[in-house]
Every structure is written in C-alpha cells, then in structure tokens.
Amino acid sequence: MMIDYSACSEQINAPLCRKLAEQVMEHITEEGVVSTAIPGLELLRANGATSCTSTVYEPALCVIAQGQKTVQLGDREIIYGPLSYMVSSVHLPVVGQVLQASEDEPYLAVKLTIDPQEVADLILELGDDMPLHEDIACSEVACGLCIAQVDFGILEAMTRMVSLLGSPTDARMLAPLARREIIYRALMGEMGARMRDFAAADSQAHRVSRVIALLKDRFAEPLRIRELADNVNMSESTLFHTFKQVTRMSPLQFQKKLRLHEARRLMLTEGLEAATASYRVGYESPSHFSREYSRMFGAPPRADVIKLRGEPSRVAAPA
C-alpha cells in the first residue's frame, strides 16, 4: 500500500524543516555556498537579505530550510520559502534575491543537482505506477522552473542525506539511496507530471531541453533558429513559442544571458580583459557588450569584477 506523504500536515513538516535547518547550520557556518562530500549536494547560507544576483540554474531540486527567497525567470517571479521546494528541469538564467534572513535566523537551503538521465531511468522503472498531478504552483504548461509544497517524504529524505555528512562511510554507502529516494518522491508528488514531461523524448518540453543544451554548448556562435528547430524536429514558430514557455524568454535573450555569464566568469577566474572576454563569448562590439553587461549586472564589466573580487561575502545564494 502506498502512503500518501503529501497529505501530511504542516504540524508534522515544520519540526522536520527546523531539524533540517539545524543540520545545515552545522556544516555551513559562514555565508556562501558549500559543495559537500556528497556529489551534487550543496548547502547555502545568507545572514541577511541580499541584493539581486544573476546566475544560471542547472537541473536541480532545492529545499529551503529557513528564510525566504525570490527568483525572477524572464517575466515571471517565484517566491518560496520553508515547506516548499523548487525544481529546475533545465539550465536557466535567473535573478535571485534572499528576502528574509538575519544573523539569528539565516537563510538556509539545500540544493541537489539532478542528472536528467536519472529521472528518465526512474520514470521507465516506475512505468504505470506514476500518478498524474497537474495542480502544481506553476500554471504554465512547460515552465522549466516550478515550486510545490514539500511533502514529508522529500523533507525526511533530504534531512537524512544532510545527516550523512557527519560520517564519510555512511555518506559513501547511503547517499546514493537517499538521492534516488528524493527523486522518486518528487516524481510521485505534485512535481511528477512536470518532471516526466521534460524526460519524455517525444514531448515538446524535452525537445526544448535539447535546444537549451545546444545553446549552452554553442552560445558563442550566431543564433540560427531554423537550424535549432531542425535539430529537434520542430517548426521555427513552435520552437519559439515552446522555448518561451519553458524559459520565459526568447532564444536570443537566453543566448545573451549565457554569453554575459560566461564573460563574467572569464574575467573573474581567468583575468581576461572585458574586450577579450566579449570576443570570446561571441560579441563583435566591445561597446555593445559593455552596455548589455551593465544592464544585466548593474555595473560596467571592469567595475563589476573589481567589486566582486573585493567583496567575498553578501552574495545572493544561487538556489
């Protein structure tokens, strides 16, 4: 008999959420993002509200244990906090901001990256046992970033996974099982229909995810919608419409954001000058690059990089 964990009340989930927050605080004592010994598991902390920060989400599941955050995806804003979780089905350029956090009650979150192939394999294994859920918090048919109310199963499995960080041997042996359970719980809950749609090879959402993968690998090249559409057997108009449903932006806007993020990374990590970075990511005009960079990050390239290098803290958590 299957237990309906989604029917568990807030009275049950809230104490477990507090327990998760306590465990996260044990392993991340300073602001920022910590990659843990468990592959794909990251812990996030902010001791106060943050400014808006642009980043690129990867396919992942994120649970906020404490605090509140807003995420801007194109023209859509999503606000979520404890007792809810977020799933990003594809790579997406977003703007995030922590809204509620303090020294006494910091923003705390757990992010688990997800390999889409893991999802597809588990869907095949479940077969007809997967329930149908359509009433999730993202009303758009193919939105790539959505939230749902966290159920006891996901929260309990995530809490167990974080607790494994205290024992390397336990983590090595049991973390893969906890990871599989978290994905299973998500598939069996409200988010299942959305995750299945992105995993189904013949769905439009899955085809757009393939286009996103192409853009991510070839963002420096000129954008050719017809070529992208042909690669996934879609018409140009259908691709454009479905792409905008998934990402809340046009392919050109998506490509521009990827270019700017990569240019920022090149300047920060490899010390490239702005003009060199702009050419590397596909811009033909450094002045055009500088204008678009300033609009996206709030400062010209050089000033932005100097600020980032001089201020290691108080950066909005990326999930």
C-alpha atoms as a PDB file:
ATOM      1  CA  MET A   1       0.000   0.000   0.000  1.00  0.00           C
ATOM      2  CA  MET A   2       1.348   3.414  -0.971  1.00  0.00           C
ATOM      3  CA  ILE A   3       1.449   6.052   1.781  1.00  0.00           C
ATOM      4  CA  ASP A   4       0.302   9.489   0.687  1.00  0.00           C
ATOM      5  CA  TYR A   5       3.064  11.624   2.216  1.00  0.00           C
ATOM      6  CA  SER A   6       1.685  14.759   0.578  1.00  0.00           C
ATOM      7  CA  ALA A   7      -1.268  14.555   2.951  1.00  0.00           C
ATOM      8  CA  CYS A   8       0.987  15.123   5.978  1.00  0.00           C
ATOM      9  CA  SER A   9       0.113  18.307   7.834  1.00  0.00           C
ATOM     10  CA  GLU A  10       2.286  21.360   8.428  1.00  0.00           C
ATOM     11  CA  GLN A  11       2.420  20.337  12.093  1.00  0.00           C
ATOM     12  CA  ILE A  12       4.479  17.315  11.024  1.00  0.00           C
ATOM     13  CA  ASN A  13       6.597  19.002   8.350  1.00  0.00           C
ATOM     14  CA  ALA A  14       7.509  22.196  10.247  1.00  0.00           C
ATOM     15  CA  PRO A  15       9.512  20.460  13.030  1.00  0.00           C
ATOM     16  CA  LEU A  16      11.344  18.372  10.432  1.00  0.00           C
ATOM     17  CA  CYS A  17      12.131  21.549   8.489  1.00  0.00           C
ATOM     18  CA  ARG A  18      13.642  23.046  11.656  1.00  0.00           C
ATOM     19  CA  LYS A  19      15.696  19.896  12.114  1.00  0.00           C
ATOM     20  CA  LEU A  20      16.985  20.246   8.557  1.00  0.00           C
ATOM     21  CA  ALA A  21      17.913  23.880   9.264  1.00  0.00           C
ATOM     22  CA  GLU A  22      19.873  22.843  12.360  1.00  0.00           C
ATOM     23  CA  GLN A  23      21.778  20.207  10.391  1.00  0.00           C
ATOM     24  CA  VAL A  24      22.604  22.651   7.594  1.00  0.00           C
ATOM     25  CA  MET A  25      23.936  25.184  10.118  1.00  0.00           C
ATOM     26  CA  GLU A  26      26.309  22.538  11.498  1.00  0.00           C
ATOM     27  CA  HIS A  27      28.024  22.237   8.129  1.00  0.00           C
ATOM     28  CA  ILE A  28      27.972  25.814   6.837  1.00  0.00           C
ATOM     29  CA  THR A  29      28.956  28.431   9.403  1.00  0.00           C
ATOM     30  CA  GLU A  30      29.709  31.311   7.025  1.00  0.00           C
ATOM     31  CA  GLU A  31      27.729  32.967   4.239  1.00  0.00           C
ATOM     32  CA  GLY A  32      28.010  31.466   0.805  1.00  0.00           C
ATOM     33  CA  VAL A  33      27.744  28.124  -0.946  1.00  0.00           C
ATOM     34  CA  VAL A  34      29.467  24.934   0.195  1.00  0.00           C
ATOM     35  CA  SER A  35      29.961  21.900  -2.027  1.00  0.00           C
ATOM     36  CA  THR A  36      29.793  18.862   0.242  1.00  0.00           C
ATOM     37  CA  ALA A  37      31.477  15.463   0.134  1.00  0.00           C
ATOM     38  CA  ILE A  38      28.247  14.041  -1.281  1.00  0.00           C
ATOM     39  CA  PRO A  39      28.320  14.513  -5.076  1.00  0.00           C
ATOM     40  CA  GLY A  40      25.755  17.059  -6.251  1.00  0.00           C
ATOM     41  CA  LEU A  41      24.797  18.225  -2.753  1.00  0.00           C
ATOM     42  CA  GLU A  42      25.359  21.892  -1.887  1.00  0.00           C
ATOM     43  CA  LEU A  43      24.479  23.894   1.222  1.00  0.00           C
ATOM     44  CA  LEU A  44      23.642  27.600   1.055  1.00  0.00           C
ATOM     45  CA  ARG A  45      23.577  30.325   3.689  1.00  0.00           C
ATOM     46  CA  ALA A  46      22.936  34.071   3.867  1.00  0.00           C
ATOM     47  CA  ASN A  47      22.935  36.039   7.137  1.00  0.00           C
ATOM     48  CA  GLY A  48      20.813  38.864   5.759  1.00  0.00           C
ATOM     49  CA  ALA A  49      18.701  39.952   2.835  1.00  0.00           C
ATOM     50  CA  THR A  50      20.763  40.195  -0.356  1.00  0.00           C
ATOM     51  CA  SER A  51      20.743  42.281  -3.491  1.00  0.00           C
ATOM     52  CA  CYS A  52      19.554  40.770  -6.770  1.00  0.00           C
ATOM     53  CA  THR A  53      22.158  38.463  -8.270  1.00  0.00           C
ATOM     54  CA  SER A  54      22.182  36.918 -11.743  1.00  0.00           C
ATOM     55  CA  THR A  55      23.144  33.269 -12.072  1.00  0.00           C
ATOM     56  CA  VAL A  56      22.412  30.196 -14.163  1.00  0.00           C
ATOM     57  CA  TYR A  57      20.440  27.397 -12.538  1.00  0.00           C
ATOM     58  CA  GLU A  58      21.247  23.830 -13.504  1.00  0.00           C
ATOM     59  CA  PRO A  59      18.814  20.901 -13.293  1.00  0.00           C
ATOM     60  CA  ALA A  60      18.335  20.561  -9.549  1.00  0.00           C
ATOM     61  CA  LEU A  61      15.955  20.225  -6.630  1.00  0.00           C
ATOM     62  CA  CYS A  62      16.250  22.816  -3.859  1.00  0.00           C
ATOM     63  CA  VAL A  63      14.640  22.856  -0.406  1.00  0.00           C
ATOM     64  CA  ILE A  64      14.707  25.988   1.741  1.00  0.00           C
ATOM     65  CA  ALA A  65      15.049  25.045   5.393  1.00  0.00           C
ATOM     66  CA  GLN A  66      14.855  28.621   6.714  1.00  0.00           C
ATOM     67  CA  GLY A  67      14.248  32.069   5.263  1.00  0.00           C
ATOM     68  CA  GLN A  68      12.623  33.205   2.034  1.00  0.00           C
ATOM     69  CA  LYS A  69      13.813  33.874  -1.489  1.00  0.00           C
ATOM     70  CA  THR A  70      12.529  35.301  -4.751  1.00  0.00           C
ATOM     71  CA  VAL A  71      13.633  34.086  -8.185  1.00  0.00           C
ATOM     72  CA  GLN A  72      13.000  36.037 -11.388  1.00  0.00           C
ATOM     73  CA  LEU A  73      12.806  33.916 -14.531  1.00  0.00           C
ATOM     74  CA  GLY A  74      12.221  36.144 -17.536  1.00  0.00           C
ATOM     75  CA  ASP A  75       8.910  37.893 -16.891  1.00  0.00           C
ATOM     76  CA  ARG A  76       7.925  35.561 -14.047  1.00  0.00           C
ATOM     77  CA  GLU A  77       8.667  35.931 -10.328  1.00  0.00           C
ATOM     78  CA  ILE A  78       8.612  32.985  -7.940  1.00  0.00           C
ATOM     79  CA  ILE A  79       8.709  33.469  -4.167  1.00  0.00           C
ATOM     80  CA  TYR A  80       9.341  30.449  -1.995  1.00  0.00           C
ATOM     81  CA  GLY A  81      10.426  29.537   1.497  1.00  0.00           C
ATOM     82  CA  PRO A  82      10.254  26.710   4.051  1.00  0.00           C
ATOM     83  CA  LEU A  83       7.748  23.902   3.439  1.00  0.00           C
ATOM     84  CA  SER A  84       8.117  24.309  -0.320  1.00  0.00           C
ATOM     85  CA  TYR A  85      10.696  23.096  -2.803  1.00  0.00           C
ATOM     86  CA  MET A  86      11.822  24.152  -6.254  1.00  0.00           C
ATOM     87  CA  VAL A  87      12.753  22.042  -9.258  1.00  0.00           C
ATOM     88  CA  SER A  88      14.736  23.386 -12.195  1.00  0.00           C
ATOM     89  CA  SER A  89      14.317  20.982 -15.110  1.00  0.00           C
ATOM     90  CA  VAL A  90      16.853  22.638 -17.455  1.00  0.00           C
ATOM     91  CA  HIS A  91      19.659  25.206 -17.363  1.00  0.00           C
ATOM     92  CA  LEU A  92      18.040  28.618 -16.838  1.00  0.00           C
ATOM     93  CA  PRO A  93      19.469  32.141 -16.428  1.00  0.00           C
ATOM     94  CA  VAL A  94      17.695  33.708 -13.443  1.00  0.00           C
ATOM     95  CA  VAL A  95      17.931  36.585 -10.989  1.00  0.00           C
ATOM     96  CA  GLY A  96      17.732  35.586  -7.320  1.00  0.00           C
ATOM     97  CA  GLN A  97      17.375  37.540  -4.087  1.00  0.00           C
ATOM     98  CA  VAL A  98      17.155  36.402  -0.461  1.00  0.00           C
ATOM     99  CA  LEU A  99      14.251  38.267   1.148  1.00  0.00           C
ATOM    100  CA  GLN A 100      14.195  37.005   4.732  1.00  0.00           C
ATOM    101  CA  ALA A 101      17.365  36.266   6.692  1.00  0.00           C
ATOM    102  CA  SER A 102      19.212  37.506   9.773  1.00  0.00           C
ATOM    103  CA  GLU A 103      22.243  36.656  11.900  1.00  0.00           C
ATOM    104  CA  ASP A 104      19.989  34.792  14.344  1.00  0.00           C
ATOM    105  CA  GLU A 105      17.864  33.120  11.655  1.00  0.00           C
ATOM    106  CA  PRO A 106      19.921  32.936   8.453  1.00  0.00           C
ATOM    107  CA  TYR A 107      18.662  31.835   5.080  1.00  0.00           C
ATOM    108  CA  LEU A 108      19.491  28.118   4.784  1.00  0.00           C
ATOM    109  CA  ALA A 109      18.919  25.891   1.782  1.00  0.00           C
ATOM    110  CA  VAL A 110      19.904  22.517   0.381  1.00  0.00           C
ATOM    111  CA  LYS A 111      20.427  22.018  -3.333  1.00  0.00           C
ATOM    112  CA  LEU A 112      20.691  18.639  -5.035  1.00  0.00           C
ATOM    113  CA  THR A 113      21.739  18.644  -8.692  1.00  0.00           C
ATOM    114  CA  ILE A 114      19.862  16.141 -10.823  1.00  0.00           C
ATOM    115  CA  ASP A 115      21.002  14.299 -13.913  1.00  0.00           C
ATOM    116  CA  PRO A 116      18.014  14.251 -16.315  1.00  0.00           C
ATOM    117  CA  GLN A 117      19.009  10.703 -17.251  1.00  0.00           C
ATOM    118  CA  GLU A 118      18.428   9.648 -13.633  1.00  0.00           C
ATOM    119  CA  VAL A 119      14.904  10.992 -13.888  1.00  0.00           C
ATOM    120  CA  ALA A 120      14.260   9.267 -17.206  1.00  0.00           C
ATOM    121  CA  ASP A 121      15.556   5.921 -15.919  1.00  0.00           C
ATOM    122  CA  LEU A 122      13.392   6.083 -12.811  1.00  0.00           C
ATOM    123  CA  ILE A 123      10.317   7.025 -14.857  1.00  0.00           C
ATOM    124  CA  LEU A 124      10.872   3.953 -17.046  1.00  0.00           C
ATOM    125  CA  GLU A 125      11.230   1.791 -13.957  1.00  0.00           C
ATOM    126  CA  LEU A 126       8.034   3.164 -12.414  1.00  0.00           C
ATOM    127  CA  GLY A 127       6.027   2.707 -15.591  1.00  0.00           C
ATOM    128  CA  ASP A 128       2.283   2.961 -14.993  1.00  0.00           C
ATOM    129  CA  ASP A 129       2.776   3.355 -11.239  1.00  0.00           C
ATOM    130  CA  MET A 130       3.433   7.088 -11.645  1.00  0.00           C
ATOM    131  CA  PRO A 131       0.412   9.169 -10.533  1.00  0.00           C
ATOM    132  CA  LEU A 132      -0.928  12.084 -12.523  1.00  0.00           C
ATOM    133  CA  HIS A 133      -0.684  15.503 -10.834  1.00  0.00           C
ATOM    134  CA  GLU A 134      -1.450  18.713 -12.687  1.00  0.00           C
ATOM    135  CA  ASP A 135      -2.179  21.191  -9.876  1.00  0.00           C
ATOM    136  CA  ILE A 136       1.321  22.488  -9.191  1.00  0.00           C
ATOM    137  CA  ALA A 137       2.203  26.102  -8.458  1.00  0.00           C
ATOM    138  CA  CYS A 138       3.465  26.796 -11.979  1.00  0.00           C
ATOM    139  CA  SER A 139       0.435  27.140 -14.225  1.00  0.00           C
ATOM    140  CA  GLU A 140       2.366  27.361 -17.493  1.00  0.00           C
ATOM    141  CA  VAL A 141       2.316  24.072 -19.364  1.00  0.00           C
ATOM    142  CA  ALA A 142       6.049  23.783 -19.901  1.00  0.00           C
ATOM    143  CA  CYS A 143       7.705  26.159 -17.423  1.00  0.00           C
ATOM    144  CA  GLY A 144      11.214  24.943 -16.625  1.00  0.00           C
ATOM    145  CA  LEU A 145      11.246  26.268 -13.042  1.00  0.00           C
ATOM    146  CA  CYS A 146       8.444  25.484 -10.619  1.00  0.00           C
ATOM    147  CA  ILE A 147       7.671  25.099  -6.925  1.00  0.00           C
ATOM    148  CA  ALA A 148       5.439  22.741  -4.989  1.00  0.00           C
ATOM    149  CA  GLN A 149       4.571  22.172  -1.347  1.00  0.00           C
ATOM    150  CA  VAL A 150       7.201  19.934   0.183  1.00  0.00           C
ATOM    151  CA  ASP A 151       5.856  16.627   1.459  1.00  0.00           C
ATOM    152  CA  PHE A 152       7.074  14.558   4.369  1.00  0.00           C
ATOM    153  CA  GLY A 153       8.837  12.043   2.123  1.00  0.00           C
ATOM    154  CA  ILE A 154      11.093  14.573   0.373  1.00  0.00           C
ATOM    155  CA  LEU A 155      11.786  16.522   3.560  1.00  0.00           C
ATOM    156  CA  GLU A 156      12.645  13.415   5.552  1.00  0.00           C
ATOM    157  CA  ALA A 157      14.891  12.001   2.816  1.00  0.00           C
ATOM    158  CA  MET A 158      16.710  15.336   2.396  1.00  0.00           C
ATOM    159  CA  THR A 159      17.209  15.564   6.172  1.00  0.00           C
ATOM    160  CA  ARG A 160      18.689  12.076   6.216  1.00  0.00           C
ATOM    161  CA  MET A 161      21.008  12.945   3.335  1.00  0.00           C
ATOM    162  CA  VAL A 162      22.391  16.020   5.109  1.00  0.00           C
ATOM    163  CA  SER A 163      22.823  13.976   8.312  1.00  0.00           C
ATOM    164  CA  LEU A 164      25.104  11.599   6.360  1.00  0.00           C
ATOM    165  CA  LEU A 165      27.701  14.390   6.103  1.00  0.00           C
ATOM    166  CA  GLY A 166      28.740  13.522   9.652  1.00  0.00           C
ATOM    167  CA  SER A 167      30.004  10.107   8.545  1.00  0.00           C
ATOM    168  CA  PRO A 168      32.027   9.704   5.320  1.00  0.00           C
ATOM    169  CA  THR A 169      31.418   5.940   5.280  1.00  0.00           C
ATOM    170  CA  ASP A 170      27.666   6.344   5.729  1.00  0.00           C
ATOM    171  CA  ALA A 171      27.653   9.042   3.063  1.00  0.00           C
ATOM    172  CA  ARG A 172      29.500   6.849   0.567  1.00  0.00           C
ATOM    173  CA  MET A 173      27.149   3.923   1.069  1.00  0.00           C
ATOM    174  CA  LEU A 174      23.787   5.556   1.773  1.00  0.00           C
ATOM    175  CA  ALA A 175      23.787   8.912  -0.069  1.00  0.00           C
ATOM    176  CA  PRO A 176      23.036   7.279  -3.458  1.00  0.00           C
ATOM    177  CA  LEU A 177      19.978   5.636  -1.893  1.00  0.00           C
ATOM    178  CA  ALA A 178      18.785   8.914  -0.358  1.00  0.00           C
ATOM    179  CA  ARG A 179      19.345  10.671  -3.682  1.00  0.00           C
ATOM    180  CA  ARG A 180      17.258   8.091  -5.526  1.00  0.00           C
ATOM    181  CA  GLU A 181      14.518   8.387  -2.918  1.00  0.00           C
ATOM    182  CA  ILE A 182      14.372  12.185  -3.227  1.00  0.00           C
ATOM    183  CA  ILE A 183      13.927  11.962  -6.994  1.00  0.00           C
ATOM    184  CA  TYR A 184      11.348   9.197  -6.525  1.00  0.00           C
ATOM    185  CA  ARG A 185       9.368  11.272  -4.013  1.00  0.00           C
ATOM    186  CA  ALA A 186       9.367  14.249  -6.377  1.00  0.00           C
ATOM    187  CA  LEU A 187       8.148  12.072  -9.249  1.00  0.00           C
ATOM    188  CA  MET A 188       5.379  10.605  -7.106  1.00  0.00           C
ATOM    189  CA  GLY A 189       4.286  14.035  -5.828  1.00  0.00           C
ATOM    190  CA  GLU A 190       2.936  17.228  -7.343  1.00  0.00           C
ATOM    191  CA  MET A 191       6.029  17.813  -9.471  1.00  0.00           C
ATOM    192  CA  GLY A 192       5.902  14.390 -11.113  1.00  0.00           C
ATOM    193  CA  ALA A 193       3.922  15.331 -14.219  1.00  0.00           C
ATOM    194  CA  ARG A 194       6.260  18.247 -14.968  1.00  0.00           C
ATOM    195  CA  MET A 195       9.424  16.193 -14.497  1.00  0.00           C
ATOM    196  CA  ARG A 196       8.006  13.415 -16.650  1.00  0.00           C
ATOM    197  CA  ASP A 197       7.173  15.888 -19.416  1.00  0.00           C
ATOM    198  CA  PHE A 198      10.783  17.051 -19.618  1.00  0.00           C
ATOM    199  CA  ALA A 199      12.055  13.465 -19.604  1.00  0.00           C
ATOM    200  CA  ALA A 200       9.718  12.142 -22.326  1.00  0.00           C
ATOM    201  CA  ALA A 201      11.717  12.034 -25.557  1.00  0.00           C
ATOM    202  CA  ASP A 202       8.696  12.822 -27.733  1.00  0.00           C
ATOM    203  CA  SER A 203       7.466  15.821 -25.724  1.00  0.00           C
ATOM    204  CA  GLN A 204       7.939  19.429 -26.781  1.00  0.00           C
ATOM    205  CA  ALA A 205       9.403  20.282 -23.375  1.00  0.00           C
ATOM    206  CA  HIS A 206      12.083  17.625 -23.835  1.00  0.00           C
ATOM    207  CA  ARG A 207      12.883  18.914 -27.312  1.00  0.00           C
ATOM    208  CA  VAL A 208      13.328  22.410 -25.918  1.00  0.00           C
ATOM    209  CA  SER A 209      15.648  20.989 -23.251  1.00  0.00           C
ATOM    210  CA  ARG A 210      17.783  19.626 -26.109  1.00  0.00           C
ATOM    211  CA  VAL A 211      17.812  23.075 -27.725  1.00  0.00           C
ATOM    212  CA  ILE A 212      18.906  24.578 -24.419  1.00  0.00           C
ATOM    213  CA  ALA A 213      21.749  22.041 -24.264  1.00  0.00           C
ATOM    214  CA  LEU A 214      22.816  23.081 -27.767  1.00  0.00           C
ATOM    215  CA  LEU A 215      22.721  26.773 -26.871  1.00  0.00           C
ATOM    216  CA  LYS A 216      24.693  26.107 -23.698  1.00  0.00           C
ATOM    217  CA  ASP A 217      27.432  24.356 -25.669  1.00  0.00           C
ATOM    218  CA  ARG A 218      27.435  26.758 -28.653  1.00  0.00           C
ATOM    219  CA  PHE A 219      26.329  30.100 -27.202  1.00  0.00           C
ATOM    220  CA  ALA A 220      29.260  31.945 -28.823  1.00  0.00           C
ATOM    221  CA  GLU A 221      28.036  31.011 -32.294  1.00  0.00           C
ATOM    222  CA  PRO A 222      25.475  33.073 -34.264  1.00  0.00           C
ATOM    223  CA  LEU A 223      21.898  32.120 -33.369  1.00  0.00           C
ATOM    224  CA  ARG A 224      20.168  30.164 -36.135  1.00  0.00           C
ATOM    225  CA  ILE A 225      16.589  29.323 -35.128  1.00  0.00           C
ATOM    226  CA  ARG A 226      15.950  27.240 -38.248  1.00  0.00           C
ATOM    227  CA  GLU A 227      18.979  25.045 -37.541  1.00  0.00           C
ATOM    228  CA  LEU A 228      17.934  24.582 -33.907  1.00  0.00           C
ATOM    229  CA  ALA A 229      14.373  23.715 -34.942  1.00  0.00           C
ATOM    230  CA  ASP A 230      15.582  21.193 -37.490  1.00  0.00           C
ATOM    231  CA  ASN A 231      17.775  19.518 -34.858  1.00  0.00           C
ATOM    232  CA  VAL A 232      14.724  18.705 -32.717  1.00  0.00           C
ATOM    233  CA  ASN A 233      12.144  18.200 -35.487  1.00  0.00           C
ATOM    234  CA  MET A 234      10.075  21.278 -34.653  1.00  0.00           C
ATOM    235  CA  SER A 235       8.876  24.183 -36.753  1.00  0.00           C
ATOM    236  CA  GLU A 236      10.503  27.540 -36.046  1.00  0.00           C
ATOM    237  CA  SER A 237       7.256  29.021 -34.720  1.00  0.00           C
ATOM    238  CA  THR A 238       6.580  26.033 -32.437  1.00  0.00           C
ATOM    239  CA  LEU A 239      10.133  26.102 -31.113  1.00  0.00           C
ATOM    240  CA  PHE A 240       9.963  29.823 -30.408  1.00  0.00           C
ATOM    241  CA  HIS A 241       6.596  29.510 -28.612  1.00  0.00           C
ATOM    242  CA  THR A 242       7.543  26.444 -26.552  1.00  0.00           C
ATOM    243  CA  PHE A 243      11.010  27.806 -25.747  1.00  0.00           C
ATOM    244  CA  LYS A 244       9.386  30.909 -24.282  1.00  0.00           C
ATOM    245  CA  GLN A 245       7.028  28.769 -22.184  1.00  0.00           C
ATOM    246  CA  VAL A 246       9.945  26.834 -20.735  1.00  0.00           C
ATOM    247  CA  THR A 247      12.389  29.695 -20.151  1.00  0.00           C
ATOM    248  CA  ARG A 248      10.085  32.748 -20.036  1.00  0.00           C
ATOM    249  CA  MET A 249      12.370  34.406 -22.579  1.00  0.00           C
ATOM    250  CA  SER A 250      13.183  34.201 -26.275  1.00  0.00           C
ATOM    251  CA  PRO A 251      16.109  32.110 -27.594  1.00  0.00           C
ATOM    252  CA  LEU A 252      18.017  35.326 -28.345  1.00  0.00           C
ATOM    253  CA  GLN A 253      17.511  36.632 -24.778  1.00  0.00           C
ATOM    254  CA  PHE A 254      18.543  33.249 -23.407  1.00  0.00           C
ATOM    255  CA  GLN A 255      21.717  33.191 -25.518  1.00  0.00           C
ATOM    256  CA  LYS A 256      22.609  36.730 -24.453  1.00  0.00           C
ATOM    257  CA  LYS A 257      22.343  35.852 -20.770  1.00  0.00           C
ATOM    258  CA  LEU A 258      24.522  32.775 -21.225  1.00  0.00           C
ATOM    259  CA  ARG A 259      27.135  34.876 -23.051  1.00  0.00           C
ATOM    260  CA  LEU A 260      27.227  37.520 -20.339  1.00  0.00           C
ATOM    261  CA  HIS A 261      27.507  34.971 -17.536  1.00  0.00           C
ATOM    262  CA  GLU A 262      30.374  33.232 -19.306  1.00  0.00           C
ATOM    263  CA  ALA A 263      32.141  36.548 -19.957  1.00  0.00           C
ATOM    264  CA  ARG A 264      31.831  37.396 -16.278  1.00  0.00           C
ATOM    265  CA  ARG A 265      33.321  34.032 -15.351  1.00  0.00           C
ATOM    266  CA  LEU A 266      36.217  34.503 -17.776  1.00  0.00           C
ATOM    267  CA  MET A 267      37.054  37.916 -16.315  1.00  0.00           C
ATOM    268  CA  LEU A 268      36.801  36.692 -12.734  1.00  0.00           C
ATOM    269  CA  THR A 269      38.589  33.357 -12.982  1.00  0.00           C
ATOM    270  CA  GLU A 270      40.960  33.806 -15.931  1.00  0.00           C
ATOM    271  CA  GLY A 271      41.697  37.526 -15.616  1.00  0.00           C
ATOM    272  CA  LEU A 272      40.611  38.387 -19.166  1.00  0.00           C
ATOM    273  CA  GLU A 273      40.052  41.997 -20.125  1.00  0.00           C
ATOM    274  CA  ALA A 274      36.464  42.944 -20.976  1.00  0.00           C
ATOM    275  CA  ALA A 275      37.135  43.287 -24.720  1.00  0.00           C
ATOM    276  CA  THR A 276      38.838  39.887 -24.901  1.00  0.00           C
ATOM    277  CA  ALA A 277      36.051  38.227 -22.929  1.00  0.00           C
ATOM    278  CA  SER A 278      33.425  39.833 -25.154  1.00  0.00           C
ATOM    279  CA  TYR A 279      35.023  38.439 -28.322  1.00  0.00           C
ATOM    280  CA  ARG A 280      35.452  35.037 -26.676  1.00  0.00           C
ATOM    281  CA  VAL A 281      31.703  34.712 -25.987  1.00  0.00           C
ATOM    282  CA  GLY A 282      30.596  35.889 -29.419  1.00  0.00           C
ATOM    283  CA  TYR A 283      30.244  39.674 -29.280  1.00  0.00           C
ATOM    284  CA  GLU A 284      31.605  41.665 -32.212  1.00  0.00           C
ATOM    285  CA  SER A 285      31.471  45.047 -30.483  1.00  0.00           C
ATOM    286  CA  PRO A 286      33.045  45.600 -27.026  1.00  0.00           C
ATOM    287  CA  SER A 287      30.920  48.727 -26.530  1.00  0.00           C
ATOM    288  CA  HIS A 288      27.738  46.750 -27.234  1.00  0.00           C
ATOM    289  CA  PHE A 289      28.940  44.080 -24.811  1.00  0.00           C
ATOM    290  CA  SER A 290      29.624  46.701 -22.135  1.00  0.00           C
ATOM    291  CA  ARG A 291      26.136  48.200 -22.467  1.00  0.00           C
ATOM    292  CA  GLU A 292      24.400  44.820 -22.200  1.00  0.00           C
ATOM    293  CA  TYR A 293      26.681  43.748 -19.341  1.00  0.00           C
ATOM    294  CA  SER A 294      25.831  46.909 -17.400  1.00  0.00           C
ATOM    295  CA  ARG A 295      22.108  46.381 -17.906  1.00  0.00           C
ATOM    296  CA  MET A 296      22.306  42.814 -16.641  1.00  0.00           C
ATOM    297  CA  PHE A 297      24.751  43.119 -13.741  1.00  0.00           C
ATOM    298  CA  GLY A 298      24.195  46.751 -12.751  1.00  0.00           C
ATOM    299  CA  ALA A 299      27.744  47.983 -13.443  1.00  0.00           C
ATOM    300  CA  PRO A 300      30.274  48.082 -16.317  1.00  0.00           C
ATOM    301  CA  PRO A 301      32.434  44.938 -16.669  1.00  0.00           C
ATOM    302  CA  ARG A 302      35.593  46.280 -15.006  1.00  0.00           C
ATOM    303  CA  ALA A 303      33.760  47.897 -12.081  1.00  0.00           C
ATOM    304  CA  ASP A 304      31.645  44.771 -11.548  1.00  0.00           C
ATOM    305  CA  VAL A 305      34.653  42.458 -11.473  1.00  0.00           C
ATOM    306  CA  ILE A 306      36.567  44.736  -9.081  1.00  0.00           C
ATOM    307  CA  LYS A 307      33.569  44.801  -6.765  1.00  0.00           C
ATOM    308  CA  LEU A 308      33.168  41.031  -6.843  1.00  0.00           C
ATOM    309  CA  ARG A 309      36.833  40.455  -6.085  1.00  0.00           C
ATOM    310  CA  GLY A 310      36.722  42.921  -3.199  1.00  0.00           C
ATOM    311  CA  GLU A 311      33.513  41.662  -1.604  1.00  0.00           C
ATOM    312  CA  PRO A 312      33.622  37.906  -0.971  1.00  0.00           C
ATOM    313  CA  SER A 313      30.508  37.933   1.229  1.00  0.00           C
ATOM    314  CA  ARG A 314      26.906  39.015   0.935  1.00  0.00           C
ATOM    315  CA  VAL A 315      26.317  37.422  -2.454  1.00  0.00           C
ATOM    316  CA  ALA A 316      22.838  36.065  -3.089  1.00  0.00           C
ATOM    317  CA  ALA A 317      22.676  32.281  -2.852  1.00  0.00           C
ATOM    318  CA  PRO A 318      22.233  30.766  -6.321  1.00  0.00           C
ATOM    319  CA  ALA A 319      19.447  28.362  -5.433  1.00  0.00           C
END
